[in-house]
């Protein structure tokens, strides 16, 4: 995650599923297994030092889920807390 965007790491709302990043780098819509309203906007808030993709290109939009809009089959989100 880019240093200046840490406050946007996780977006929490009853209006949607898990969402990560200030520009919704990874957005899971409600009923995401029934529609294609979820999307990936990778690299808006998160840095990538391993793959050569640039924000707002098709490569960045397709990187996380294979397509900009997608339908989910299963979702697991984990929270690791400090003790």
PDB file of N, CA and C in Angstrom:
ATOM      1  N   UNK A   1       0.846  -1.168   0.000  1.00  0.00           N
ATOM      2  CA  UNK A   1       0.000   0.000   0.000  1.00  0.00           C
ATOM      3  C   UNK A   1       0.892   1.232   0.000  1.00  0.00           C
ATOM      4  N   UNK A   2       0.515   2.221  -0.755  1.00  0.00           N
ATOM      5  CA  UNK A   2       1.258   3.469  -0.775  1.00  0.00           C
ATOM      6  C   UNK A   2       1.149   4.132   0.583  1.00  0.00           C
ATOM      7  N   UNK A   3       2.239   4.694   1.039  1.00  0.00           N
ATOM      8  CA  UNK A   3       2.312   5.266   2.375  1.00  0.00           C
ATOM      9  C   UNK A   3       1.198   6.272   2.647  1.00  0.00           C
ATOM     10  N   UNK A   4       0.887   7.123   1.689  1.00  0.00           N
ATOM     11  CA  UNK A   4      -0.108   8.176   1.903  1.00  0.00           C
ATOM     12  C   UNK A   4      -1.546   7.656   1.870  1.00  0.00           C
ATOM     13  N   UNK A   5      -1.766   6.408   1.517  1.00  0.00           N
ATOM     14  CA  UNK A   5      -3.119   5.876   1.383  1.00  0.00           C
ATOM     15  C   UNK A   5      -3.494   4.835   2.434  1.00  0.00           C
ATOM     16  N   UNK A   6      -2.736   4.694   3.500  1.00  0.00           N
ATOM     17  CA  UNK A   6      -3.003   3.643   4.480  1.00  0.00           C
ATOM     18  C   UNK A   6      -4.367   3.766   5.135  1.00  0.00           C
ATOM     19  N   UNK A   7      -4.896   4.959   5.268  1.00  0.00           N
ATOM     20  CA  UNK A   7      -6.206   5.120   5.890  1.00  0.00           C
ATOM     21  C   UNK A   7      -7.326   4.531   5.022  1.00  0.00           C
ATOM     22  N   UNK A   8      -7.021   4.242   3.748  1.00  0.00           N
ATOM     23  CA  UNK A   8      -8.002   3.678   2.829  1.00  0.00           C
ATOM     24  C   UNK A   8      -7.783   2.185   2.574  1.00  0.00           C
ATOM     25  N   UNK A   9      -7.002   1.531   3.401  1.00  0.00           N
ATOM     26  CA  UNK A   9      -6.667   0.125   3.158  1.00  0.00           C
ATOM     27  C   UNK A   9      -7.908  -0.746   3.084  1.00  0.00           C
ATOM     28  N   UNK A  10      -8.830  -0.576   4.022  1.00  0.00           N
ATOM     29  CA  UNK A  10     -10.049  -1.380   4.055  1.00  0.00           C
ATOM     30  C   UNK A  10     -11.248  -0.452   4.162  1.00  0.00           C
ATOM     31  N   UNK A  11     -12.211  -0.655   3.294  1.00  0.00           N
ATOM     32  CA  UNK A  11     -13.444   0.128   3.288  1.00  0.00           C
ATOM     33  C   UNK A  11     -14.542  -0.745   3.864  1.00  0.00           C
ATOM     34  N   UNK A  12     -15.223  -0.274   4.867  1.00  0.00           N
ATOM     35  CA  UNK A  12     -16.235  -1.054   5.557  1.00  0.00           C
ATOM     36  C   UNK A  12     -17.587  -0.380   5.397  1.00  0.00           C
ATOM     37  N   UNK A  13     -18.531  -1.095   4.775  1.00  0.00           N
ATOM     38  CA  UNK A  13     -19.854  -0.532   4.563  1.00  0.00           C
ATOM     39  C   UNK A  13     -20.883  -1.659   4.481  1.00  0.00           C
ATOM     40  N   UNK A  14     -22.081  -1.397   4.933  1.00  0.00           N
ATOM     41  CA  UNK A  14     -23.158  -2.371   4.805  1.00  0.00           C
ATOM     42  C   UNK A  14     -23.686  -2.439   3.374  1.00  0.00           C
ATOM     43  N   UNK A  15     -23.306  -1.468   2.540  1.00  0.00           N
ATOM     44  CA  UNK A  15     -23.799  -1.386   1.170  1.00  0.00           C
ATOM     45  C   UNK A  15     -23.039  -2.263   0.181  1.00  0.00           C
ATOM     46  N   UNK A  16     -21.968  -2.904   0.645  1.00  0.00           N
ATOM     47  CA  UNK A  16     -21.181  -3.739  -0.257  1.00  0.00           C
ATOM     48  C   UNK A  16     -20.408  -4.778   0.543  1.00  0.00           C
ATOM     49  N   UNK A  17     -19.750  -5.656  -0.173  1.00  0.00           N
ATOM     50  CA  UNK A  17     -18.913  -6.658   0.463  1.00  0.00           C
ATOM     51  C   UNK A  17     -17.547  -6.080   0.780  1.00  0.00           C
ATOM     52  N   UNK A  18     -16.562  -6.927   1.025  1.00  0.00           N
ATOM     53  CA  UNK A  18     -15.220  -6.443   1.349  1.00  0.00           C
ATOM     54  C   UNK A  18     -14.661  -5.577   0.222  1.00  0.00           C
ATOM     55  N   UNK A  19     -14.091  -4.454   0.599  1.00  0.00           N
ATOM     56  CA  UNK A  19     -13.536  -3.516  -0.368  1.00  0.00           C
ATOM     57  C   UNK A  19     -12.205  -3.008   0.160  1.00  0.00           C
ATOM     58  N   UNK A  20     -11.209  -2.976  -0.716  1.00  0.00           N
ATOM     59  CA  UNK A  20      -9.854  -2.607  -0.305  1.00  0.00           C
ATOM     60  C   UNK A  20      -9.327  -1.491  -1.197  1.00  0.00           C
ATOM     61  N   UNK A  21      -8.751  -0.459  -0.589  1.00  0.00           N
ATOM     62  CA  UNK A  21      -8.128   0.633  -1.315  1.00  0.00           C
ATOM     63  C   UNK A  21      -9.028   1.833  -1.494  1.00  0.00           C
ATOM     64  N   UNK A  22      -8.424   3.021  -1.488  1.00  0.00           N
ATOM     65  CA  UNK A  22      -9.164   4.276  -1.617  1.00  0.00           C
ATOM     66  C   UNK A  22      -9.883   4.416  -2.936  1.00  0.00           C
ATOM     67  N   UNK A  23      -9.353   3.865  -3.980  1.00  0.00           N
ATOM     68  CA  UNK A  23     -10.013   3.889  -5.288  1.00  0.00           C
ATOM     69  C   UNK A  23     -10.730   2.596  -5.557  1.00  0.00           C
ATOM     70  N   UNK A  24     -11.032   1.879  -4.460  1.00  0.00           N
ATOM     71  CA  UNK A  24     -11.629   0.555  -4.554  1.00  0.00           C
ATOM     72  C   UNK A  24     -10.787  -0.344  -5.455  1.00  0.00           C
ATOM     73  N   UNK A  25      -9.530  -0.514  -5.049  1.00  0.00           N
ATOM     74  CA  UNK A  25      -8.644  -1.401  -5.789  1.00  0.00           C
ATOM     75  C   UNK A  25      -9.275  -2.771  -5.993  1.00  0.00           C
ATOM     76  N   UNK A  26     -10.019  -3.216  -5.003  1.00  0.00           N
ATOM     77  CA  UNK A  26     -10.709  -4.502  -5.097  1.00  0.00           C
ATOM     78  C   UNK A  26     -12.050  -4.338  -4.399  1.00  0.00           C
ATOM     79  N   UNK A  27     -13.130  -4.357  -5.164  1.00  0.00           N
ATOM     80  CA  UNK A  27     -14.480  -4.088  -4.670  1.00  0.00           C
ATOM     81  C   UNK A  27     -15.353  -5.315  -4.885  1.00  0.00           C
ATOM     82  N   UNK A  28     -15.954  -5.798  -3.811  1.00  0.00           N
ATOM     83  CA  UNK A  28     -16.876  -6.922  -3.891  1.00  0.00           C
ATOM     84  C   UNK A  28     -18.286  -6.388  -3.638  1.00  0.00           C
ATOM     85  N   UNK A  29     -19.149  -6.520  -4.628  1.00  0.00           N
ATOM     86  CA  UNK A  29     -20.518  -6.020  -4.542  1.00  0.00           C
ATOM     87  C   UNK A  29     -21.387  -6.962  -3.718  1.00  0.00           C
ATOM     88  N   UNK A  30     -22.507  -6.456  -3.241  1.00  0.00           N
ATOM     89  CA  UNK A  30     -23.504  -7.327  -2.619  1.00  0.00           C
ATOM     90  C   UNK A  30     -23.983  -8.339  -3.650  1.00  0.00           C
ATOM     91  N   UNK A  31     -24.298  -9.538  -3.193  1.00  0.00           N
ATOM     92  CA  UNK A  31     -24.746 -10.622  -4.083  1.00  0.00           C
ATOM     93  C   UNK A  31     -23.756 -10.859  -5.223  1.00  0.00           C
ATOM     94  N   UNK A  32     -22.485 -10.775  -4.907  1.00  0.00           N
ATOM     95  CA  UNK A  32     -21.435 -10.857  -5.930  1.00  0.00           C
ATOM     96  C   UNK A  32     -21.402 -12.198  -6.655  1.00  0.00           C
ATOM     97  N   UNK A  33     -22.035 -13.205  -6.091  1.00  0.00           N
ATOM     98  CA  UNK A  33     -22.103 -14.494  -6.783  1.00  0.00           C
ATOM     99  C   UNK A  33     -23.231 -14.525  -7.823  1.00  0.00           C
ATOM    100  N   UNK A  34     -24.074 -13.493  -7.835  1.00  0.00           N
ATOM    101  CA  UNK A  34     -25.208 -13.444  -8.755  1.00  0.00           C
ATOM    102  C   UNK A  34     -25.080 -12.380  -9.843  1.00  0.00           C
ATOM    103  N   UNK A  35     -24.061 -11.534  -9.760  1.00  0.00           N
ATOM    104  CA  UNK A  35     -23.921 -10.445 -10.727  1.00  0.00           C
ATOM    105  C   UNK A  35     -22.447 -10.172 -11.027  1.00  0.00           C
ATOM    106  N   UNK A  36     -22.204  -9.284 -11.964  1.00  0.00           N
ATOM    107  CA  UNK A  36     -20.850  -8.882 -12.343  1.00  0.00           C
ATOM    108  C   UNK A  36     -20.578  -7.431 -11.923  1.00  0.00           C
ATOM    109  N   UNK A  37     -21.069  -7.025 -10.757  1.00  0.00           N
ATOM    110  CA  UNK A  37     -20.879  -5.665 -10.267  1.00  0.00           C
ATOM    111  C   UNK A  37     -19.588  -5.482  -9.475  1.00  0.00           C
ATOM    112  N   UNK A  38     -18.920  -6.549  -9.117  1.00  0.00           N
ATOM    113  CA  UNK A  38     -17.621  -6.445  -8.432  1.00  0.00           C
ATOM    114  C   UNK A  38     -16.571  -6.040  -9.462  1.00  0.00           C
ATOM    115  N   UNK A  39     -15.536  -5.347  -8.994  1.00  0.00           N
ATOM    116  CA  UNK A  39     -14.497  -4.928  -9.943  1.00  0.00           C
ATOM    117  C   UNK A  39     -13.151  -4.765  -9.270  1.00  0.00           C
ATOM    118  N   UNK A  40     -12.148  -4.728 -10.109  1.00  0.00           N
ATOM    119  CA  UNK A  40     -10.768  -4.548  -9.666  1.00  0.00           C
ATOM    120  C   UNK A  40     -10.193  -3.299 -10.315  1.00  0.00           C
ATOM    121  N   UNK A  41      -9.663  -2.413  -9.503  1.00  0.00           N
ATOM    122  CA  UNK A  41      -9.051  -1.160  -9.967  1.00  0.00           C
ATOM    123  C   UNK A  41      -7.644  -1.098  -9.374  1.00  0.00           C
ATOM    124  N   UNK A  42      -6.903  -2.179  -9.542  1.00  0.00           N
ATOM    125  CA  UNK A  42      -5.611  -2.397  -8.899  1.00  0.00           C
ATOM    126  C   UNK A  42      -4.629  -1.246  -9.150  1.00  0.00           C
ATOM    127  N   UNK A  43      -3.887  -0.932  -8.139  1.00  0.00           N
ATOM    128  CA  UNK A  43      -2.797   0.059  -8.117  1.00  0.00           C
ATOM    129  C   UNK A  43      -3.264   1.483  -7.858  1.00  0.00           C
ATOM    130  N   UNK A  44      -4.532   1.704  -7.570  1.00  0.00           N
ATOM    131  CA  UNK A  44      -4.939   3.054  -7.181  1.00  0.00           C
ATOM    132  C   UNK A  44      -4.332   3.397  -5.831  1.00  0.00           C
ATOM    133  N   UNK A  45      -4.480   2.501  -4.871  1.00  0.00           N
ATOM    134  CA  UNK A  45      -3.946   2.735  -3.527  1.00  0.00           C
ATOM    135  C   UNK A  45      -2.795   1.809  -3.176  1.00  0.00           C
ATOM    136  N   UNK A  46      -2.752   0.658  -3.820  1.00  0.00           N
ATOM    137  CA  UNK A  46      -1.735  -0.338  -3.480  1.00  0.00           C
ATOM    138  C   UNK A  46      -0.591  -0.313  -4.477  1.00  0.00           C
ATOM    139  N   UNK A  47       0.612  -0.463  -3.970  1.00  0.00           N
ATOM    140  CA  UNK A  47       1.797  -0.530  -4.825  1.00  0.00           C
ATOM    141  C   UNK A  47       2.026  -1.958  -5.277  1.00  0.00           C
ATOM    142  N   UNK A  48       2.697  -2.093  -6.388  1.00  0.00           N
ATOM    143  CA  UNK A  48       3.039  -3.403  -6.907  1.00  0.00           C
ATOM    144  C   UNK A  48       4.507  -3.383  -7.319  1.00  0.00           C
ATOM    145  N   UNK A  49       5.303  -4.144  -6.626  1.00  0.00           N
ATOM    146  CA  UNK A  49       6.735  -4.182  -6.923  1.00  0.00           C
ATOM    147  C   UNK A  49       7.159  -5.477  -7.602  1.00  0.00           C
ATOM    148  N   UNK A  50       6.206  -6.335  -7.934  1.00  0.00           N
ATOM    149  CA  UNK A  50       6.573  -7.632  -8.495  1.00  0.00           C
ATOM    150  C   UNK A  50       6.145  -7.825  -9.943  1.00  0.00           C
ATOM    151  N   UNK A  51       5.093  -7.161 -10.385  1.00  0.00           N
ATOM    152  CA  UNK A  51       4.597  -7.328 -11.749  1.00  0.00           C
ATOM    153  C   UNK A  51       4.604  -5.973 -12.444  1.00  0.00           C
ATOM    154  N   UNK A  52       4.974  -5.956 -13.692  1.00  0.00           N
ATOM    155  CA  UNK A  52       5.093  -4.709 -14.442  1.00  0.00           C
ATOM    156  C   UNK A  52       3.742  -4.322 -15.049  1.00  0.00           C
ATOM    157  N   UNK A  53       2.857  -3.728 -14.227  1.00  0.00           N
ATOM    158  CA  UNK A  53       1.587  -3.199 -14.703  1.00  0.00           C
ATOM    159  C   UNK A  53       1.449  -1.762 -14.229  1.00  0.00           C
ATOM    160  N   UNK A  54       0.677  -0.979 -14.958  1.00  0.00           N
ATOM    161  CA  UNK A  54       0.509   0.442 -14.670  1.00  0.00           C
ATOM    162  C   UNK A  54      -0.956   0.720 -14.358  1.00  0.00           C
ATOM    163  N   UNK A  55      -1.203   1.538 -13.339  1.00  0.00           N
ATOM    164  CA  UNK A  55      -2.560   1.885 -12.912  1.00  0.00           C
ATOM    165  C   UNK A  55      -3.412   2.368 -14.078  1.00  0.00           C
ATOM    166  N   UNK A  56      -4.654   1.981 -14.090  1.00  0.00           N
ATOM    167  CA  UNK A  56      -5.721   2.341 -15.028  1.00  0.00           C
ATOM    168  C   UNK A  56      -5.571   1.702 -16.412  1.00  0.00           C
ATOM    169  N   UNK A  57      -4.574   0.844 -16.593  1.00  0.00           N
ATOM    170  CA  UNK A  57      -4.472   0.102 -17.852  1.00  0.00           C
ATOM    171  C   UNK A  57      -5.315  -1.164 -17.757  1.00  0.00           C
ATOM    172  N   UNK A  58      -5.599  -1.767 -18.892  1.00  0.00           N
ATOM    173  CA  UNK A  58      -6.337  -3.027 -18.890  1.00  0.00           C
ATOM    174  C   UNK A  58      -5.594  -4.090 -18.098  1.00  0.00           C
ATOM    175  N   UNK A  59      -4.271  -4.090 -18.171  1.00  0.00           N
ATOM    176  CA  UNK A  59      -3.469  -5.070 -17.428  1.00  0.00           C
ATOM    177  C   UNK A  59      -3.697  -4.927 -15.924  1.00  0.00           C
ATOM    178  N   UNK A  60      -3.754  -3.708 -15.419  1.00  0.00           N
ATOM    179  CA  UNK A  60      -3.989  -3.483 -13.991  1.00  0.00           C
ATOM    180  C   UNK A  60      -5.409  -3.861 -13.604  1.00  0.00           C
ATOM    181  N   UNK A  61      -6.371  -3.525 -14.436  1.00  0.00           N
ATOM    182  CA  UNK A  61      -7.775  -3.830 -14.142  1.00  0.00           C
ATOM    183  C   UNK A  61      -8.056  -5.330 -14.175  1.00  0.00           C
ATOM    184  N   UNK A  62      -7.332  -6.059 -14.989  1.00  0.00           N
ATOM    185  CA  UNK A  62      -7.548  -7.500 -15.122  1.00  0.00           C
ATOM    186  C   UNK A  62      -6.659  -8.324 -14.202  1.00  0.00           C
ATOM    187  N   UNK A  63      -5.693  -7.697 -13.558  1.00  0.00           N
ATOM    188  CA  UNK A  63      -4.649  -8.416 -12.820  1.00  0.00           C
ATOM    189  C   UNK A  63      -5.175  -9.273 -11.664  1.00  0.00           C
ATOM    190  N   UNK A  64      -6.025  -8.753 -10.829  1.00  0.00           N
ATOM    191  CA  UNK A  64      -6.441  -9.479  -9.629  1.00  0.00           C
ATOM    192  C   UNK A  64      -7.505 -10.548  -9.887  1.00  0.00           C
ATOM    193  N   UNK A  65      -8.432 -10.304 -10.790  1.00  0.00           N
ATOM    194  CA  UNK A  65      -9.544 -11.240 -10.972  1.00  0.00           C
ATOM    195  C   UNK A  65      -9.671 -11.769 -12.397  1.00  0.00           C
ATOM    196  N   UNK A  66      -8.773 -11.376 -13.275  1.00  0.00           N
ATOM    197  CA  UNK A  66      -8.836 -11.841 -14.656  1.00  0.00           C
ATOM    198  C   UNK A  66      -9.669 -10.971 -15.570  1.00  0.00           C
ATOM    199  N   UNK A  67     -10.458 -10.065 -14.994  1.00  0.00           N
ATOM    200  CA  UNK A  67     -11.279  -9.121 -15.750  1.00  0.00           C
ATOM    201  C   UNK A  67     -11.631  -7.967 -14.820  1.00  0.00           C
ATOM    202  N   UNK A  68     -11.959  -6.826 -15.390  1.00  0.00           N
ATOM    203  CA  UNK A  68     -12.319  -5.663 -14.571  1.00  0.00           C
ATOM    204  C   UNK A  68     -13.564  -5.978 -13.743  1.00  0.00           C
ATOM    205  N   UNK A  69     -14.638  -6.401 -14.376  1.00  0.00           N
ATOM    206  CA  UNK A  69     -15.845  -6.831 -13.665  1.00  0.00           C
ATOM    207  C   UNK A  69     -15.844  -8.348 -13.574  1.00  0.00           C
ATOM    208  N   UNK A  70     -16.296  -8.854 -12.449  1.00  0.00           N
ATOM    209  CA  UNK A  70     -16.281 -10.296 -12.254  1.00  0.00           C
ATOM    210  C   UNK A  70     -17.383 -10.722 -11.301  1.00  0.00           C
ATOM    211  N   UNK A  71     -17.668 -12.000 -11.327  1.00  0.00           N
ATOM    212  CA  UNK A  71     -18.624 -12.623 -10.415  1.00  0.00           C
ATOM    213  C   UNK A  71     -17.838 -13.562  -9.508  1.00  0.00           C
ATOM    214  N   UNK A  72     -18.183 -13.610  -8.250  1.00  0.00           N
ATOM    215  CA  UNK A  72     -17.457 -14.457  -7.302  1.00  0.00           C
ATOM    216  C   UNK A  72     -18.124 -15.822  -7.176  1.00  0.00           C
ATOM    217  N   UNK A  73     -17.324 -16.802  -6.797  1.00  0.00           N
ATOM    218  CA  UNK A  73     -17.835 -18.125  -6.443  1.00  0.00           C
ATOM    219  C   UNK A  73     -17.806 -18.286  -4.932  1.00  0.00           C
ATOM    220  N   UNK A  74     -16.733 -17.785  -4.331  1.00  0.00           N
ATOM    221  CA  UNK A  74     -16.535 -17.936  -2.896  1.00  0.00           C
ATOM    222  C   UNK A  74     -15.608 -16.820  -2.428  1.00  0.00           C
ATOM    223  N   UNK A  75     -15.850 -16.330  -1.222  1.00  0.00           N
ATOM    224  CA  UNK A  75     -15.024 -15.251  -0.668  1.00  0.00           C
ATOM    225  C   UNK A  75     -14.617 -15.623   0.750  1.00  0.00           C
ATOM    226  N   UNK A  76     -13.364 -15.414   1.045  1.00  0.00           N
ATOM    227  CA  UNK A  76     -12.867 -15.552   2.417  1.00  0.00           C
ATOM    228  C   UNK A  76     -12.024 -14.329   2.727  1.00  0.00           C
ATOM    229  N   UNK A  77     -12.319 -13.683   3.831  1.00  0.00           N
ATOM    230  CA  UNK A  77     -11.552 -12.519   4.281  1.00  0.00           C
ATOM    231  C   UNK A  77     -11.094 -12.797   5.693  1.00  0.00           C
ATOM    232  N   UNK A  78      -9.817 -12.581   5.934  1.00  0.00           N
ATOM    233  CA  UNK A  78      -9.242 -12.833   7.237  1.00  0.00           C
ATOM    234  C   UNK A  78      -8.785 -11.522   7.873  1.00  0.00           C
ATOM    235  N   UNK A  79      -8.922 -11.445   9.169  1.00  0.00           N
ATOM    236  CA  UNK A  79      -8.421 -10.298   9.925  1.00  0.00           C
ATOM    237  C   UNK A  79      -7.419 -10.822  10.934  1.00  0.00           C
ATOM    238  N   UNK A  80      -6.229 -10.315  10.881  1.00  0.00           N
ATOM    239  CA  UNK A  80      -5.190 -10.712  11.827  1.00  0.00           C
ATOM    240  C   UNK A  80      -4.993  -9.568  12.794  1.00  0.00           C
ATOM    241  N   UNK A  81      -5.255  -9.806  14.042  1.00  0.00           N
ATOM    242  CA  UNK A  81      -5.107  -8.753  15.035  1.00  0.00           C
ATOM    243  C   UNK A  81      -3.834  -8.969  15.838  1.00  0.00           C
ATOM    244  N   UNK A  82      -3.289  -7.878  16.298  1.00  0.00           N
ATOM    245  CA  UNK A  82      -2.102  -7.939  17.147  1.00  0.00           C
ATOM    246  C   UNK A  82      -2.522  -8.253  18.571  1.00  0.00           C
ATOM    247  N   UNK A  83      -1.756  -9.096  19.208  1.00  0.00           N
ATOM    248  CA  UNK A  83      -2.069  -9.463  20.603  1.00  0.00           C
ATOM    249  C   UNK A  83      -1.309  -8.569  21.531  1.00  0.00           C
TER     250      UNK A  83
END
